[in-house]
Amino acid sequence: MPKPDDLIVDIAALVESGRSNQMSLTVVTGGAVITGRLAPEAVWRRRVSEVLTDSDQLGEFSAVFKAPAKKEGPPTHLHFHVARILQGTVGIPETGGMYRIAIEDVSAWTVGDFRYSDH
């Protein structure tokens, strides 16, 4: 997207305000469909840092995510947690992951979290 969609920027700003962490969103970016719940960047960074701290091989990278975000102005990224890349009839990873997506790279989006069912 040459100019990010004002609606999705407003949604990201509301999530960043900390007033809600219940916004589910599905986006298309680079041909991938990603679905999950948005989190404020600070919460997302803290959780990624915790996961890295627990890793024997990646623990040293946890400090990068502990640093506060350096940004002014409207949000430029979406921070997903419990998110999945939809591929065929499954979501990868099954349990959900942590994704950071540049708003300018979102080509389509919808409110809601898509789930597959065997029913």
Protein backbone atom coordinates (compact mmCIF):
# COMPACT_ATOMS: atom_id res chain seq x y z
CA MET A 1 0.00 0.00 0.00
CA PRO A 2 1.55 3.31 -0.99
CA LYS A 3 -0.51 5.14 1.67
CA PRO A 4 -1.69 3.02 4.60
CA ASP A 5 -5.44 2.68 5.01
CA ASP A 6 -6.61 5.23 7.60
CA LEU A 7 -9.05 2.72 9.11
CA ILE A 8 -6.37 0.15 9.89
CA VAL A 9 -4.10 2.90 11.28
CA ASP A 10 -6.96 4.00 13.55
CA ILE A 11 -7.51 0.40 14.71
CA ALA A 12 -3.79 0.03 15.46
CA ALA A 13 -3.79 3.35 17.33
CA LEU A 14 -6.70 2.23 19.52
CA VAL A 15 -4.92 -1.04 20.32
CA GLU A 16 -1.73 0.92 21.10
CA SER A 17 -3.67 3.15 23.48
CA GLY A 18 -4.06 0.11 25.71
CA ARG A 19 -7.82 0.43 25.93
CA SER A 20 -8.43 -2.92 24.25
CA ASN A 21 -6.49 -6.09 23.51
CA GLN A 22 -9.45 -8.01 22.10
CA MET A 23 -9.28 -6.86 18.45
CA SER A 24 -9.02 -9.77 16.07
CA LEU A 25 -7.88 -9.03 12.55
CA THR A 26 -7.06 -10.94 9.39
CA VAL A 27 -4.68 -9.38 6.86
CA VAL A 28 -3.22 -10.22 3.49
CA THR A 29 0.42 -9.25 3.12
CA GLY A 30 2.86 -10.45 0.49
CA GLY A 31 0.37 -13.12 -0.57
CA ALA A 32 0.12 -14.58 2.94
CA VAL A 33 -3.07 -14.52 4.99
CA ILE A 34 -2.39 -13.90 8.69
CA THR A 35 -5.11 -14.03 11.30
CA GLY A 36 -4.98 -13.37 15.01
CA ARG A 37 -5.40 -10.85 17.79
CA LEU A 38 -3.64 -7.50 17.91
CA ALA A 39 -1.55 -6.48 20.90
CA PRO A 40 0.06 -3.17 21.87
CA GLU A 41 3.68 -3.11 20.74
CA ALA A 42 5.00 -2.94 24.32
CA VAL A 43 3.06 -6.08 25.28
CA TRP A 44 4.18 -7.85 22.10
CA ARG A 45 7.85 -6.92 22.72
CA ARG A 46 7.67 -8.12 26.34
CA ARG A 47 6.23 -11.50 25.30
CA VAL A 48 8.82 -12.03 22.54
CA SER A 49 11.56 -11.11 25.03
CA GLU A 50 10.23 -13.68 27.52
CA VAL A 51 10.24 -16.42 24.87
CA LEU A 52 13.79 -15.56 23.79
CA THR A 53 15.04 -15.38 27.39
CA ASP A 54 13.92 -18.99 27.88
CA SER A 55 15.90 -20.15 24.82
CA ASP A 56 19.42 -21.52 25.24
CA GLN A 57 20.39 -20.47 21.71
CA LEU A 58 18.54 -17.15 21.40
CA GLY A 59 18.57 -15.74 24.94
CA GLU A 60 21.05 -12.98 24.05
CA PHE A 61 18.50 -11.45 21.63
CA SER A 62 15.89 -10.89 24.34
CA ALA A 63 17.44 -7.52 25.26
CA VAL A 64 16.64 -6.14 21.81
CA PHE A 65 12.93 -6.59 22.52
CA LYS A 66 13.14 -5.15 26.05
CA ALA A 67 14.15 -1.74 24.72
CA PRO A 68 11.23 0.69 24.45
CA ALA A 69 9.83 1.36 20.98
CA LYS A 70 11.38 4.39 19.28
CA LYS A 71 8.52 5.97 17.41
CA GLU A 72 6.47 9.08 17.12
CA GLY A 73 3.25 9.62 15.24
CA PRO A 74 0.69 7.05 14.18
CA PRO A 75 1.44 3.31 14.38
CA THR A 76 3.41 1.88 11.48
CA HIS A 77 3.12 -1.82 12.38
CA LEU A 78 0.53 -4.33 13.52
CA HIS A 79 1.60 -6.63 16.36
CA PHE A 80 -0.18 -9.97 16.33
CA HIS A 81 -0.19 -12.59 19.05
CA VAL A 82 -1.89 -16.00 18.95
CA ALA A 83 -1.70 -15.49 15.19
CA ARG A 84 -1.54 -18.03 12.42
CA ILE A 85 -0.60 -18.01 8.75
CA LEU A 86 -3.51 -19.64 6.93
CA GLN A 87 -2.30 -22.32 4.54
CA GLY A 88 -4.80 -24.65 2.92
CA THR A 89 -6.98 -26.08 5.67
CA VAL A 90 -4.59 -25.39 8.56
CA GLY A 91 -3.20 -22.46 10.49
CA ILE A 92 0.56 -22.36 11.06
CA PRO A 93 1.60 -22.61 13.85
CA GLU A 94 -1.41 -24.42 15.30
CA THR A 95 -1.00 -22.75 18.69
CA GLY A 96 -0.44 -19.29 17.27
CA GLY A 97 2.65 -17.14 16.95
CA MET A 98 3.92 -13.60 17.26
CA TYR A 99 3.99 -11.56 14.04
CA ARG A 100 4.92 -7.93 13.32
CA ILE A 101 3.58 -6.60 10.03
CA ALA A 102 4.17 -3.20 8.45
CA ILE A 103 0.80 -1.53 7.91
CA GLU A 104 1.98 -0.24 4.53
CA ASP A 105 2.44 -3.87 3.39
CA VAL A 106 -1.18 -4.85 4.10
CA SER A 107 -3.03 -5.22 0.80
CA ALA A 108 -6.38 -6.39 2.25
CA TRP A 109 -7.87 -6.92 5.70
CA THR A 110 -11.02 -7.78 7.57
CA VAL A 111 -12.12 -7.68 11.17
CA GLY A 112 -12.13 -11.10 12.80
CA ASP A 113 -9.97 -14.14 13.36
CA PHE A 114 -10.51 -17.00 10.91
CA ARG A 115 -10.45 -20.54 12.26
CA TYR A 116 -10.80 -23.82 10.47
CA SER A 117 -13.16 -26.48 11.72
CA ASP A 118 -13.65 -30.14 10.90
CA HIS A 119 -17.43 -29.76 11.30
